[in-house]
C-alpha atoms as a PDB file:
ATOM      1  CA  UNK A   1      91.160  30.194-103.277  1.00  0.00           C
ATOM      2  CA  UNK A   2      88.138  28.118-104.317  1.00  0.00           C
ATOM      3  CA  UNK A   3      86.795  24.906-102.789  1.00  0.00           C
ATOM      4  CA  UNK A   4      84.437  22.675-104.750  1.00  0.00           C
ATOM      5  CA  UNK A   5      82.259  19.654-104.023  1.00  0.00           C
ATOM      6  CA  UNK A   6      80.388  17.938-106.857  1.00  0.00           C
ATOM      7  CA  UNK A   7      76.730  17.106-106.103  1.00  0.00           C
ATOM      8  CA  UNK A   8      75.001  16.725-109.463  1.00  0.00           C
ATOM      9  CA  UNK A   9      72.018  14.714-108.137  1.00  0.00           C
ATOM     10  CA  UNK A  10      71.358  17.428-105.542  1.00  0.00           C
ATOM     11  CA  UNK A  11      71.535  15.100-102.529  1.00  0.00           C
ATOM     12  CA  UNK A  12      72.907  17.806-100.266  1.00  0.00           C
ATOM     13  CA  UNK A  13      71.073  20.734 -98.715  1.00  0.00           C
ATOM     14  CA  UNK A  14      74.203  22.599 -97.676  1.00  0.00           C
ATOM     15  CA  UNK A  15      77.990  22.537 -97.379  1.00  0.00           C
ATOM     16  CA  UNK A  16      80.139  24.530 -94.991  1.00  0.00           C
ATOM     17  CA  UNK A  17      83.913  24.846 -94.626  1.00  0.00           C
ATOM     18  CA  UNK A  18      85.149  23.661 -91.223  1.00  0.00           C
ATOM     19  CA  UNK A  19      88.523  25.121 -90.263  1.00  0.00           C
ATOM     20  CA  UNK A  20      90.563  26.295 -87.268  1.00  0.00           C
ATOM     21  CA  UNK A  21      92.587  29.171 -88.688  1.00  0.00           C
ATOM     22  CA  UNK A  22      90.240  31.976 -87.682  1.00  0.00           C
ATOM     23  CA  UNK A  23      88.468  32.693 -90.977  1.00  0.00           C
ATOM     24  CA  UNK A  24      85.675  35.159 -90.256  1.00  0.00           C
ATOM     25  CA  UNK A  25      83.921  35.578 -93.621  1.00  0.00           C
ATOM     26  CA  UNK A  26      80.980  33.515 -94.911  1.00  0.00           C
ATOM     27  CA  UNK A  27      81.939  29.837 -94.965  1.00  0.00           C
ATOM     28  CA  UNK A  28      78.748  28.422 -96.546  1.00  0.00           C
ATOM     29  CA  UNK A  29      79.105  27.052-100.067  1.00  0.00           C
ATOM     30  CA  UNK A  30      76.679  27.996-102.844  1.00  0.00           C
ATOM     31  CA  UNK A  31      75.458  25.469-105.440  1.00  0.00           C
ATOM     32  CA  UNK A  32      75.577  26.156-109.161  1.00  0.00           C
ATOM     33  CA  UNK A  33      75.033  23.553-111.880  1.00  0.00           C
ATOM     34  CA  UNK A  34      75.550  20.629-109.566  1.00  0.00           C
ATOM     35  CA  UNK A  35      78.699  21.914-107.869  1.00  0.00           C
ATOM     36  CA  UNK A  36      78.997  23.472-104.415  1.00  0.00           C
ATOM     37  CA  UNK A  37      81.624  26.254-104.361  1.00  0.00           C
ATOM     38  CA  UNK A  38      83.223  28.585-101.837  1.00  0.00           C
ATOM     39  CA  UNK A  39      85.794  31.266-102.668  1.00  0.00           C
ATOM     40  CA  UNK A  40      87.935  32.825 -99.914  1.00  0.00           C
ATOM     41  CA  UNK A  41      90.953  35.086 -99.776  1.00  0.00           C
ATOM     42  CA  UNK A  42      94.186  33.121 -99.270  1.00  0.00           C
ATOM     43  CA  UNK A  43      94.650  32.885 -95.495  1.00  0.00           C
ATOM     44  CA  UNK A  44      97.708  34.240 -93.699  1.00  0.00           C
ATOM     45  CA  UNK A  45      99.144  30.803 -92.858  1.00  0.00           C
ATOM     46  CA  UNK A  46     101.550  28.335 -94.448  1.00  0.00           C
ATOM     47  CA  UNK A  47      99.244  25.335 -93.958  1.00  0.00           C
ATOM     48  CA  UNK A  48      95.498  24.962 -93.656  1.00  0.00           C
ATOM     49  CA  UNK A  49      93.766  21.841 -92.347  1.00  0.00           C
ATOM     50  CA  UNK A  50      90.044  21.622 -93.111  1.00  0.00           C
ATOM     51  CA  UNK A  51      86.941  19.485 -93.540  1.00  0.00           C
ATOM     52  CA  UNK A  52      83.627  19.866 -95.367  1.00  0.00           C
ATOM     53  CA  UNK A  53      80.533  19.864 -93.170  1.00  0.00           C
ATOM     54  CA  UNK A  54      77.708  18.487 -95.337  1.00  0.00           C
ATOM     55  CA  UNK A  55      73.948  18.397 -94.626  1.00  0.00           C
ATOM     56  CA  UNK A  56      71.282  16.414 -96.404  1.00  0.00           C
ATOM     57  CA  UNK A  57      67.639  17.351 -96.918  1.00  0.00           C
ATOM     58  CA  UNK A  58      66.594  15.442 -93.792  1.00  0.00           C
ATOM     59  CA  UNK A  59      68.866  17.554 -91.615  1.00  0.00           C
ATOM     60  CA  UNK A  60      71.486  14.857 -91.114  1.00  0.00           C
ATOM     61  CA  UNK A  61      74.980  16.294 -90.861  1.00  0.00           C
ATOM     62  CA  UNK A  62      78.506  14.879 -91.126  1.00  0.00           C
ATOM     63  CA  UNK A  63      82.045  15.997 -91.882  1.00  0.00           C
ATOM     64  CA  UNK A  64      84.112  14.648 -94.761  1.00  0.00           C
ATOM     65  CA  UNK A  65      87.543  15.230 -96.211  1.00  0.00           C
ATOM     66  CA  UNK A  66      87.810  17.038 -99.537  1.00  0.00           C
ATOM     67  CA  UNK A  67      87.449  14.361-102.252  1.00  0.00           C
ATOM     68  CA  UNK A  68      89.287  16.562-104.782  1.00  0.00           C
ATOM     69  CA  UNK A  69      92.367  16.957-102.555  1.00  0.00           C
ATOM     70  CA  UNK A  70      94.401  13.791-101.855  1.00  0.00           C
ATOM     71  CA  UNK A  71      96.654  15.473 -99.293  1.00  0.00           C
ATOM     72  CA  UNK A  72      95.771  14.541 -95.700  1.00  0.00           C
ATOM     73  CA  UNK A  73      97.025  15.510 -92.249  1.00  0.00           C
ATOM     74  CA  UNK A  74      96.753  13.186 -89.227  1.00  0.00           C
ATOM     75  CA  UNK A  75      95.003  14.334 -86.092  1.00  0.00           C
ATOM     76  CA  UNK A  76      93.804  13.096 -82.722  1.00  0.00           C
ATOM     77  CA  UNK A  77      90.217  13.034 -84.023  1.00  0.00           C
ATOM     78  CA  UNK A  78      90.941  11.674 -87.478  1.00  0.00           C
ATOM     79  CA  UNK A  79      92.399  12.847 -90.747  1.00  0.00           C
ATOM     80  CA  UNK A  80      91.756  16.251 -92.299  1.00  0.00           C
ATOM     81  CA  UNK A  81      92.371  17.620 -95.746  1.00  0.00           C
ATOM     82  CA  UNK A  82      95.310  19.995 -95.886  1.00  0.00           C
ATOM     83  CA  UNK A  83      96.476  22.760 -98.183  1.00  0.00           C
ATOM     84  CA  UNK A  84     100.086  23.869 -98.164  1.00  0.00           C
ATOM     85  CA  UNK A  85     100.320  27.556 -98.998  1.00  0.00           C
ATOM     86  CA  UNK A  86     103.000  30.085 -99.961  1.00  0.00           C
ATOM     87  CA  UNK A  87     105.776  27.616-100.634  1.00  0.00           C
ATOM     88  CA  UNK A  88     105.424  25.703 -97.369  1.00  0.00           C
ATOM     89  CA  UNK A  89     108.149  23.091 -96.981  1.00  0.00           C
ATOM     90  CA  UNK A  90     108.006  20.244 -94.452  1.00  0.00           C
ATOM     91  CA  UNK A  91     111.003  19.911 -92.129  1.00  0.00           C
ATOM     92  CA  UNK A  92     114.087  18.512 -93.848  1.00  0.00           C
ATOM     93  CA  UNK A  93     114.601  15.961 -91.057  1.00  0.00           C
ATOM     94  CA  UNK A  94     111.565  14.014 -92.304  1.00  0.00           C
ATOM     95  CA  UNK A  95     113.746  12.769 -95.157  1.00  0.00           C
ATOM     96  CA  UNK A  96     116.719  11.833 -92.957  1.00  0.00           C
ATOM     97  CA  UNK A  97     117.217   8.228 -91.867  1.00  0.00           C
ATOM     98  CA  UNK A  98     116.927   7.819 -88.085  1.00  0.00           C
ATOM     99  CA  UNK A  99     119.075   5.609 -85.928  1.00  0.00           C
ATOM    100  CA  UNK A 100     117.533   2.272 -85.066  1.00  0.00           C
ATOM    101  CA  UNK A 101     115.369   2.573 -81.991  1.00  0.00           C
ATOM    102  CA  UNK A 102     113.890   0.242 -79.403  1.00  0.00           C
ATOM    103  CA  UNK A 103     110.721   0.532 -77.338  1.00  0.00           C
ATOM    104  CA  UNK A 104     109.786  -0.903 -73.973  1.00  0.00           C
ATOM    105  CA  UNK A 105     106.725  -0.503 -71.779  1.00  0.00           C
ATOM    106  CA  UNK A 106     106.444   0.712 -68.207  1.00  0.00           C
ATOM    107  CA  UNK A 107     103.266   0.686 -66.105  1.00  0.00           C
ATOM    108  CA  UNK A 108     103.209   2.747 -62.935  1.00  0.00           C
ATOM    109  CA  UNK A 109     100.420   2.201 -60.435  1.00  0.00           C
ATOM    110  CA  UNK A 110      99.048   5.579 -59.405  1.00  0.00           C
ATOM    111  CA  UNK A 111      97.335   5.237 -56.043  1.00  0.00           C
ATOM    112  CA  UNK A 112      96.482   8.946 -55.933  1.00  0.00           C
ATOM    113  CA  UNK A 113      94.741   8.639 -59.314  1.00  0.00           C
ATOM    114  CA  UNK A 114      93.197   5.223 -58.706  1.00  0.00           C
ATOM    115  CA  UNK A 115      94.665   4.074 -61.995  1.00  0.00           C
ATOM    116  CA  UNK A 116      97.802   3.264 -63.948  1.00  0.00           C
ATOM    117  CA  UNK A 117     100.091   5.566 -65.897  1.00  0.00           C
ATOM    118  CA  UNK A 118     101.358   3.817 -69.012  1.00  0.00           C
ATOM    119  CA  UNK A 119     104.701   4.844 -70.481  1.00  0.00           C
ATOM    120  CA  UNK A 120     106.511   3.793 -73.645  1.00  0.00           C
ATOM    121  CA  UNK A 121     110.271   4.268 -73.372  1.00  0.00           C
ATOM    122  CA  UNK A 122     112.013   4.881 -76.691  1.00  0.00           C
ATOM    123  CA  UNK A 123     115.803   4.640 -76.917  1.00  0.00           C
ATOM    124  CA  UNK A 124     118.399   4.363 -79.667  1.00  0.00           C
ATOM    125  CA  UNK A 125     119.510   0.760 -80.002  1.00  0.00           C
ATOM    126  CA  UNK A 126     123.153   1.816 -79.689  1.00  0.00           C
ATOM    127  CA  UNK A 127     122.623   3.271 -76.193  1.00  0.00           C
ATOM    128  CA  UNK A 128     123.467   0.688 -73.491  1.00  0.00           C
ATOM    129  CA  UNK A 129     120.508   0.108 -71.205  1.00  0.00           C
ATOM    130  CA  UNK A 130     122.230   1.176 -67.991  1.00  0.00           C
ATOM    131  CA  UNK A 131     123.997   4.261 -69.324  1.00  0.00           C
ATOM    132  CA  UNK A 132     122.618   7.604 -68.066  1.00  0.00           C
ATOM    133  CA  UNK A 133     121.498   9.900 -70.897  1.00  0.00           C
ATOM    134  CA  UNK A 134     119.200  12.894 -71.450  1.00  0.00           C
ATOM    135  CA  UNK A 135     115.509  12.011 -71.106  1.00  0.00           C
ATOM    136  CA  UNK A 136     112.559  13.655 -72.867  1.00  0.00           C
ATOM    137  CA  UNK A 137     109.387  13.273 -70.773  1.00  0.00           C
ATOM    138  CA  UNK A 138     106.493  13.853 -73.180  1.00  0.00           C
ATOM    139  CA  UNK A 139     102.836  14.214 -72.314  1.00  0.00           C
ATOM    140  CA  UNK A 140     100.605  12.657 -74.992  1.00  0.00           C
ATOM    141  CA  UNK A 141     103.805  10.932 -76.035  1.00  0.00           C
ATOM    142  CA  UNK A 142     102.260   8.119 -78.111  1.00  0.00           C
ATOM    143  CA  UNK A 143     100.287  10.714 -80.087  1.00  0.00           C
ATOM    144  CA  UNK A 144     103.378  12.898 -80.476  1.00  0.00           C
ATOM    145  CA  UNK A 145     105.126   9.854 -81.988  1.00  0.00           C
ATOM    146  CA  UNK A 146     102.238   8.569 -84.112  1.00  0.00           C
ATOM    147  CA  UNK A 147     100.851  11.871 -85.393  1.00  0.00           C
ATOM    148  CA  UNK A 148     103.931  14.082 -85.336  1.00  0.00           C
ATOM    149  CA  UNK A 149     106.811  11.651 -85.755  1.00  0.00           C
ATOM    150  CA  UNK A 150     108.581  12.525 -82.502  1.00  0.00           C
ATOM    151  CA  UNK A 151     110.680   9.359 -82.307  1.00  0.00           C
ATOM    152  CA  UNK A 152     111.631   9.730 -85.981  1.00  0.00           C
ATOM    153  CA  UNK A 153     112.790  13.277 -85.243  1.00  0.00           C
ATOM    154  CA  UNK A 154     114.846  12.165 -82.251  1.00  0.00           C
ATOM    155  CA  UNK A 155     116.363   9.305 -84.222  1.00  0.00           C
ATOM    156  CA  UNK A 156     117.150  11.514 -87.217  1.00  0.00           C
ATOM    157  CA  UNK A 157     118.681  14.213 -85.014  1.00  0.00           C
ATOM    158  CA  UNK A 158     120.831  11.650 -83.212  1.00  0.00           C
ATOM    159  CA  UNK A 159     121.958  10.246 -86.568  1.00  0.00           C
ATOM    160  CA  UNK A 160     122.809  13.771 -87.751  1.00  0.00           C
ATOM    161  CA  UNK A 161     124.568  14.477 -84.415  1.00  0.00           C
ATOM    162  CA  UNK A 162     122.394  17.502 -83.697  1.00  0.00           C
ATOM    163  CA  UNK A 163     121.198  15.621 -80.607  1.00  0.00           C
ATOM    164  CA  UNK A 164     123.226  13.350 -78.323  1.00  0.00           C
ATOM    165  CA  UNK A 165     121.980   9.807 -77.753  1.00  0.00           C
ATOM    166  CA  UNK A 166     118.935  10.185 -75.521  1.00  0.00           C
ATOM    167  CA  UNK A 167     115.729   8.480 -74.470  1.00  0.00           C
ATOM    168  CA  UNK A 168     112.089   9.560 -74.580  1.00  0.00           C
ATOM    169  CA  UNK A 169     109.405   8.624 -72.068  1.00  0.00           C
ATOM    170  CA  UNK A 170     106.138   8.765 -73.998  1.00  0.00           C
ATOM    171  CA  UNK A 171     103.433   9.272 -71.382  1.00  0.00           C
ATOM    172  CA  UNK A 172      99.961   7.973 -72.273  1.00  0.00           C
ATOM    173  CA  UNK A 173      97.394  10.648 -71.353  1.00  0.00           C
ATOM    174  CA  UNK A 174      94.988   8.368 -69.479  1.00  0.00           C
ATOM    175  CA  UNK A 175      92.002  10.423 -68.281  1.00  0.00           C
ATOM    176  CA  UNK A 176      93.425  13.449 -70.044  1.00  0.00           C
ATOM    177  CA  UNK A 177      90.984  16.191 -69.042  1.00  0.00           C
ATOM    178  CA  UNK A 178      91.070  15.161 -65.392  1.00  0.00           C
ATOM    179  CA  UNK A 179      94.798  14.394 -65.124  1.00  0.00           C
ATOM    180  CA  UNK A 180      96.141  17.334 -67.117  1.00  0.00           C
ATOM    181  CA  UNK A 181      93.955  20.115 -65.680  1.00  0.00           C
ATOM    182  CA  UNK A 182      96.436  21.351 -63.053  1.00  0.00           C
ATOM    183  CA  UNK A 183      95.651  18.247 -60.985  1.00  0.00           C
ATOM    184  CA  UNK A 184      97.862  18.019 -57.857  1.00  0.00           C
ATOM    185  CA  UNK A 185      97.413  14.234 -57.654  1.00  0.00           C
ATOM    186  CA  UNK A 186      98.597  13.783 -61.225  1.00  0.00           C
ATOM    187  CA  UNK A 187     101.533  16.175 -60.765  1.00  0.00           C
ATOM    188  CA  UNK A 188     102.635  14.220 -57.683  1.00  0.00           C
ATOM    189  CA  UNK A 189     102.306  10.899 -59.511  1.00  0.00           C
ATOM    190  CA  UNK A 190     104.301  12.108 -62.514  1.00  0.00           C
ATOM    191  CA  UNK A 191     107.080  13.791 -60.562  1.00  0.00           C
ATOM    192  CA  UNK A 192     107.510  11.006 -58.006  1.00  0.00           C
ATOM    193  CA  UNK A 193     106.165   7.585 -58.993  1.00  0.00           C
ATOM    194  CA  UNK A 194     106.652   7.882 -62.761  1.00  0.00           C
ATOM    195  CA  UNK A 195     110.070   9.535 -62.694  1.00  0.00           C
ATOM    196  CA  UNK A 196     111.256   7.137 -59.965  1.00  0.00           C
ATOM    197  CA  UNK A 197     110.107   4.213 -62.088  1.00  0.00           C
ATOM    198  CA  UNK A 198     111.884   5.648 -65.118  1.00  0.00           C
ATOM    199  CA  UNK A 199     115.116   5.956 -63.142  1.00  0.00           C
ATOM    200  CA  UNK A 200     115.332   2.161 -63.153  1.00  0.00           C
ATOM    201  CA  UNK A 201     114.878   1.713 -66.915  1.00  0.00           C
ATOM    202  CA  UNK A 202     115.979   5.083 -68.322  1.00  0.00           C
ATOM    203  CA  UNK A 203     118.599   6.653 -66.017  1.00  0.00           C
ATOM    204  CA  UNK A 204     118.753  10.347 -66.812  1.00  0.00           C
ATOM    205  CA  UNK A 205     121.514  12.935 -66.841  1.00  0.00           C
ATOM    206  CA  UNK A 206     118.893  15.644 -67.465  1.00  0.00           C
ATOM    207  CA  UNK A 207     115.130  15.629 -67.948  1.00  0.00           C
ATOM    208  CA  UNK A 208     113.244  17.839 -70.423  1.00  0.00           C
ATOM    209  CA  UNK A 209     109.479  18.031 -69.877  1.00  0.00           C
ATOM    210  CA  UNK A 210     107.436  18.358 -73.060  1.00  0.00           C
ATOM    211  CA  UNK A 211     103.740  18.808 -73.795  1.00  0.00           C
ATOM    212  CA  UNK A 212     101.217  20.422 -76.123  1.00  0.00           C
ATOM    213  CA  UNK A 213      97.927  22.117 -75.373  1.00  0.00           C
ATOM    214  CA  UNK A 214      96.585  20.844 -72.028  1.00  0.00           C
ATOM    215  CA  UNK A 215      99.653  18.582 -71.849  1.00  0.00           C
ATOM    216  CA  UNK A 216     101.880  21.663 -71.880  1.00  0.00           C
ATOM    217  CA  UNK A 217      99.858  23.260 -69.093  1.00  0.00           C
ATOM    218  CA  UNK A 218     100.125  20.039 -67.057  1.00  0.00           C
ATOM    219  CA  UNK A 219     103.898  19.855 -67.540  1.00  0.00           C
ATOM    220  CA  UNK A 220     104.376  23.415 -66.268  1.00  0.00           C
ATOM    221  CA  UNK A 221     102.044  22.681 -63.345  1.00  0.00           C
ATOM    222  CA  UNK A 222     104.010  19.535 -62.451  1.00  0.00           C
ATOM    223  CA  UNK A 223     107.313  21.413 -62.631  1.00  0.00           C
ATOM    224  CA  UNK A 224     106.067  24.278 -60.461  1.00  0.00           C
ATOM    225  CA  UNK A 225     104.503  21.835 -57.968  1.00  0.00           C
ATOM    226  CA  UNK A 226     107.640  19.684 -57.660  1.00  0.00           C
ATOM    227  CA  UNK A 227     110.614  21.898 -58.520  1.00  0.00           C
ATOM    228  CA  UNK A 228     113.979  20.331 -59.180  1.00  0.00           C
ATOM    229  CA  UNK A 229     112.848  17.207 -61.016  1.00  0.00           C
ATOM    230  CA  UNK A 230     112.875  18.738 -64.518  1.00  0.00           C
ATOM    231  CA  UNK A 231     115.787  20.622 -66.051  1.00  0.00           C
ATOM    232  CA  UNK A 232     114.058  22.183 -69.054  1.00  0.00           C
ATOM    233  CA  UNK A 233     110.626  22.633 -70.637  1.00  0.00           C
ATOM    234  CA  UNK A 234     109.233  22.572 -74.179  1.00  0.00           C
ATOM    235  CA  UNK A 235     105.654  23.855 -73.984  1.00  0.00           C
ATOM    236  CA  UNK A 236     103.628  23.929 -77.208  1.00  0.00           C
ATOM    237  CA  UNK A 237     100.368  25.862 -77.534  1.00  0.00           C
ATOM    238  CA  UNK A 238      99.891  25.541 -73.789  1.00  0.00           C
ATOM    239  CA  UNK A 239      96.358  25.859 -72.416  1.00  0.00           C
ATOM    240  CA  UNK A 240      97.365  28.757 -70.177  1.00  0.00           C
ATOM    241  CA  UNK A 241      93.765  29.927 -69.871  1.00  0.00           C
ATOM    242  CA  UNK A 242      92.726  33.163 -68.201  1.00  0.00           C
ATOM    243  CA  UNK A 243      89.115  34.296 -67.760  1.00  0.00           C
ATOM    244  CA  UNK A 244      89.839  37.475 -69.711  1.00  0.00           C
ATOM    245  CA  UNK A 245      91.616  35.922 -72.695  1.00  0.00           C
ATOM    246  CA  UNK A 246      89.749  32.601 -72.881  1.00  0.00           C
ATOM    247  CA  UNK A 247      86.066  32.999 -71.923  1.00  0.00           C
ATOM    248  CA  UNK A 248      85.184  30.609 -74.774  1.00  0.00           C
ATOM    249  CA  UNK A 249      86.731  27.798 -72.679  1.00  0.00           C
ATOM    250  CA  UNK A 250      84.438  28.474 -69.724  1.00  0.00           C
ATOM    251  CA  UNK A 251      82.436  25.276 -70.147  1.00  0.00           C
ATOM    252  CA  UNK A 252      85.559  23.085 -69.985  1.00  0.00           C
ATOM    253  CA  UNK A 253      85.426  20.896 -66.880  1.00  0.00           C
ATOM    254  CA  UNK A 254      88.951  21.859 -65.823  1.00  0.00           C
ATOM    255  CA  UNK A 255      88.605  25.586 -66.470  1.00  0.00           C
ATOM    256  CA  UNK A 256      88.514  26.630 -62.803  1.00  0.00           C
ATOM    257  CA  UNK A 257      91.557  24.564 -61.805  1.00  0.00           C
ATOM    258  CA  UNK A 258      93.530  25.679 -64.850  1.00  0.00           C
ATOM    259  CA  UNK A 259      92.752  29.384 -64.509  1.00  0.00           C
ATOM    260  CA  UNK A 260      93.529  29.339 -60.783  1.00  0.00           C
ATOM    261  CA  UNK A 261      96.937  27.766 -61.429  1.00  0.00           C
ATOM    262  CA  UNK A 262      97.696  30.163 -64.300  1.00  0.00           C
ATOM    263  CA  UNK A 263      96.746  33.138 -62.107  1.00  0.00           C
ATOM    264  CA  UNK A 264      99.035  31.797 -59.375  1.00  0.00           C
ATOM    265  CA  UNK A 265     101.950  31.746 -61.832  1.00  0.00           C
ATOM    266  CA  UNK A 266     101.235  35.231 -63.144  1.00  0.00           C
ATOM    267  CA  UNK A 267     100.933  36.597 -59.586  1.00  0.00           C
ATOM    268  CA  UNK A 268     104.111  34.919 -58.326  1.00  0.00           C
ATOM    269  CA  UNK A 269     106.979  37.098 -57.199  1.00  0.00           C
ATOM    270  CA  UNK A 270     109.620  34.382 -57.582  1.00  0.00           C
ATOM    271  CA  UNK A 271     110.162  30.781 -58.650  1.00  0.00           C
ATOM    272  CA  UNK A 272     112.035  28.089 -56.707  1.00  0.00           C
ATOM    273  CA  UNK A 273     113.573  26.462 -59.789  1.00  0.00           C
ATOM    274  CA  UNK A 274     113.456  28.386 -63.089  1.00  0.00           C
ATOM    275  CA  UNK A 275     114.701  26.277 -66.001  1.00  0.00           C
ATOM    276  CA  UNK A 276     115.540  26.944 -69.657  1.00  0.00           C
ATOM    277  CA  UNK A 277     112.280  26.805 -71.594  1.00  0.00           C
ATOM    278  CA  UNK A 278     110.875  27.023 -75.110  1.00  0.00           C
ATOM    279  CA  UNK A 279     107.282  28.002 -75.858  1.00  0.00           C
ATOM    280  CA  UNK A 280     105.866  27.472 -79.358  1.00  0.00           C
ATOM    281  CA  UNK A 281     102.474  28.482 -80.720  1.00  0.00           C
ATOM    282  CA  UNK A 282     100.641  28.921 -84.003  1.00  0.00           C
ATOM    283  CA  UNK A 283     100.098  32.459 -85.268  1.00  0.00           C
ATOM    284  CA  UNK A 284      96.331  31.930 -85.745  1.00  0.00           C
ATOM    285  CA  UNK A 285      95.623  30.072 -82.505  1.00  0.00           C
ATOM    286  CA  UNK A 286      93.239  31.256 -79.816  1.00  0.00           C
ATOM    287  CA  UNK A 287      96.037  30.274 -77.407  1.00  0.00           C
ATOM    288  CA  UNK A 288      98.563  32.712 -78.894  1.00  0.00           C
ATOM    289  CA  UNK A 289      97.775  35.580 -76.518  1.00  0.00           C
ATOM    290  CA  UNK A 290      97.883  33.446 -73.373  1.00  0.00           C
ATOM    291  CA  UNK A 291     101.135  31.801 -74.515  1.00  0.00           C
ATOM    292  CA  UNK A 292     102.741  35.199 -75.117  1.00  0.00           C
ATOM    293  CA  UNK A 293     101.576  36.288 -71.671  1.00  0.00           C
ATOM    294  CA  UNK A 294     103.007  33.147 -70.055  1.00  0.00           C
ATOM    295  CA  UNK A 295     106.331  33.589 -71.861  1.00  0.00           C
ATOM    296  CA  UNK A 296     106.601  37.085 -70.399  1.00  0.00           C
ATOM    297  CA  UNK A 297     105.741  35.866 -66.905  1.00  0.00           C
ATOM    298  CA  UNK A 298     108.254  33.016 -66.983  1.00  0.00           C
ATOM    299  CA  UNK A 299     110.955  35.415 -68.173  1.00  0.00           C
ATOM    300  CA  UNK A 300     110.132  37.711 -65.243  1.00  0.00           C
ATOM    301  CA  UNK A 301     110.425  34.738 -62.883  1.00  0.00           C
ATOM    302  CA  UNK A 302     113.943  33.971 -64.095  1.00  0.00           C
ATOM    303  CA  UNK A 303     113.331  31.354 -66.770  1.00  0.00           C
ATOM    304  CA  UNK A 304     115.607  31.564 -69.790  1.00  0.00           C
ATOM    305  CA  UNK A 305     112.607  31.391 -72.107  1.00  0.00           C
ATOM    306  CA  UNK A 306     112.403  31.569 -75.871  1.00  0.00           C
ATOM    307  CA  UNK A 307     109.101  31.873 -77.713  1.00  0.00           C
ATOM    308  CA  UNK A 308     108.720  30.941 -81.357  1.00  0.00           C
ATOM    309  CA  UNK A 309     105.671  30.935 -83.622  1.00  0.00           C
ATOM    310  CA  UNK A 310     104.714  28.954 -86.702  1.00  0.00           C
ATOM    311  CA  UNK A 311     102.263  30.147 -89.357  1.00  0.00           C
ATOM    312  CA  UNK A 312      99.773  27.433 -88.538  1.00  0.00           C
ATOM    313  CA  UNK A 313      97.072  26.456 -86.065  1.00  0.00           C
ATOM    314  CA  UNK A 314      96.548  24.072 -83.127  1.00  0.00           C
ATOM    315  CA  UNK A 315      97.580  20.695 -84.548  1.00  0.00           C
ATOM    316  CA  UNK A 316     100.286  18.045 -84.418  1.00  0.00           C
ATOM    317  CA  UNK A 317     101.936  19.101 -87.674  1.00  0.00           C
ATOM    318  CA  UNK A 318     102.340  22.663 -86.389  1.00  0.00           C
ATOM    319  CA  UNK A 319     103.906  21.300 -83.199  1.00  0.00           C
ATOM    320  CA  UNK A 320     106.121  18.995 -85.265  1.00  0.00           C
ATOM    321  CA  UNK A 321     107.303  21.875 -87.425  1.00  0.00           C
ATOM    322  CA  UNK A 322     108.452  23.800 -84.337  1.00  0.00           C
ATOM    323  CA  UNK A 323     110.717  21.086 -82.913  1.00  0.00           C
ATOM    324  CA  UNK A 324     113.801  21.891 -84.924  1.00  0.00           C
ATOM    325  CA  UNK A 325     116.075  23.523 -84.041  1.00  0.00           C
ATOM    326  CA  UNK A 326     114.332  24.537 -80.800  1.00  0.00           C
ATOM    327  CA  UNK A 327     114.287  21.138 -79.085  1.00  0.00           C
ATOM    328  CA  UNK A 328     117.817  20.246 -80.132  1.00  0.00           C
ATOM    329  CA  UNK A 329     119.141  23.599 -78.913  1.00  0.00           C
ATOM    330  CA  UNK A 330     117.282  23.240 -75.611  1.00  0.00           C
ATOM    331  CA  UNK A 331     118.673  19.762 -74.921  1.00  0.00           C
ATOM    332  CA  UNK A 332     122.184  20.848 -75.915  1.00  0.00           C
ATOM    333  CA  UNK A 333     122.070  23.955 -73.712  1.00  0.00           C
ATOM    334  CA  UNK A 334     120.702  22.137 -70.662  1.00  0.00           C
ATOM    335  CA  UNK A 335     123.093  19.199 -71.056  1.00  0.00           C
ATOM    336  CA  UNK A 336     126.036  21.590 -71.436  1.00  0.00           C
ATOM    337  CA  UNK A 337     125.063  23.537 -68.338  1.00  0.00           C
ATOM    338  CA  UNK A 338     124.825  20.354 -66.257  1.00  0.00           C
ATOM    339  CA  UNK A 339     128.132  19.033 -67.570  1.00  0.00           C
ATOM    340  CA  UNK A 340     130.048  22.198 -66.702  1.00  0.00           C
END
């Protein structure tokens, strides 16, 4: 697999491949006849998101997308170039028409956080406003919708009758690093003030908590801190850091709070309210080992937990690709159990 960047005038002093799939070989390009080139062995993934890190002769540095590759992937920090490898196929639901949806806004004053939690409530237009229905409570919900297509997936699955009519509460992350790092004040706000506020506009038969990365960690922390308010969990690439597995995260401001909570879970002898859960993770993620460890711990604590992996890294498309059929099966199983 060869990457190229044309630089015939010789304006650049160096080019390096920036990636998150764990490549360990040399990633510096070499320049021959006005073209920078890098050859690597095809990586063991189905998709690869990447950027070129370029440096000029004055030492200035920036990252750019690959000008020879028109395919792009969205991300929280901007677009990246993407290669689809080994016959990768996007989820079929992307091509399915969704039911018509509506959105409304909810602002919940959070005295314990000295701020406001902003929520976008998505619902199928056909669902009467006062009718109780399953509710997805999603951390980083606006990003899940914008970068991964969460509301399109829900609408397409409802149209295909693989999901019942349901609503989604898309939680804006606010001060993400502070709120999501196993913060007791945030967990209390989410499980009391936010869910109570949602009861008025999105009455729920069941609630499924959902989150990726630090948002997944925060959803598990909220559930463990306030058992009984969530009926199922979808945790994607959770930041279940331990000092042994994740020393590279040691400079993160929330590392101490996160690792203390994770240790508390692993050391627990029981759980007051185990719920059906799905954990997803990319096969080349640094978080894979700590997610596998957490899946084993939750199973020991009585959670009906299923772990699935995708041949990808830590990004919204990888999380998107793991939703089906896992999320639909989780909602169906939890709703069936509560109906019986």
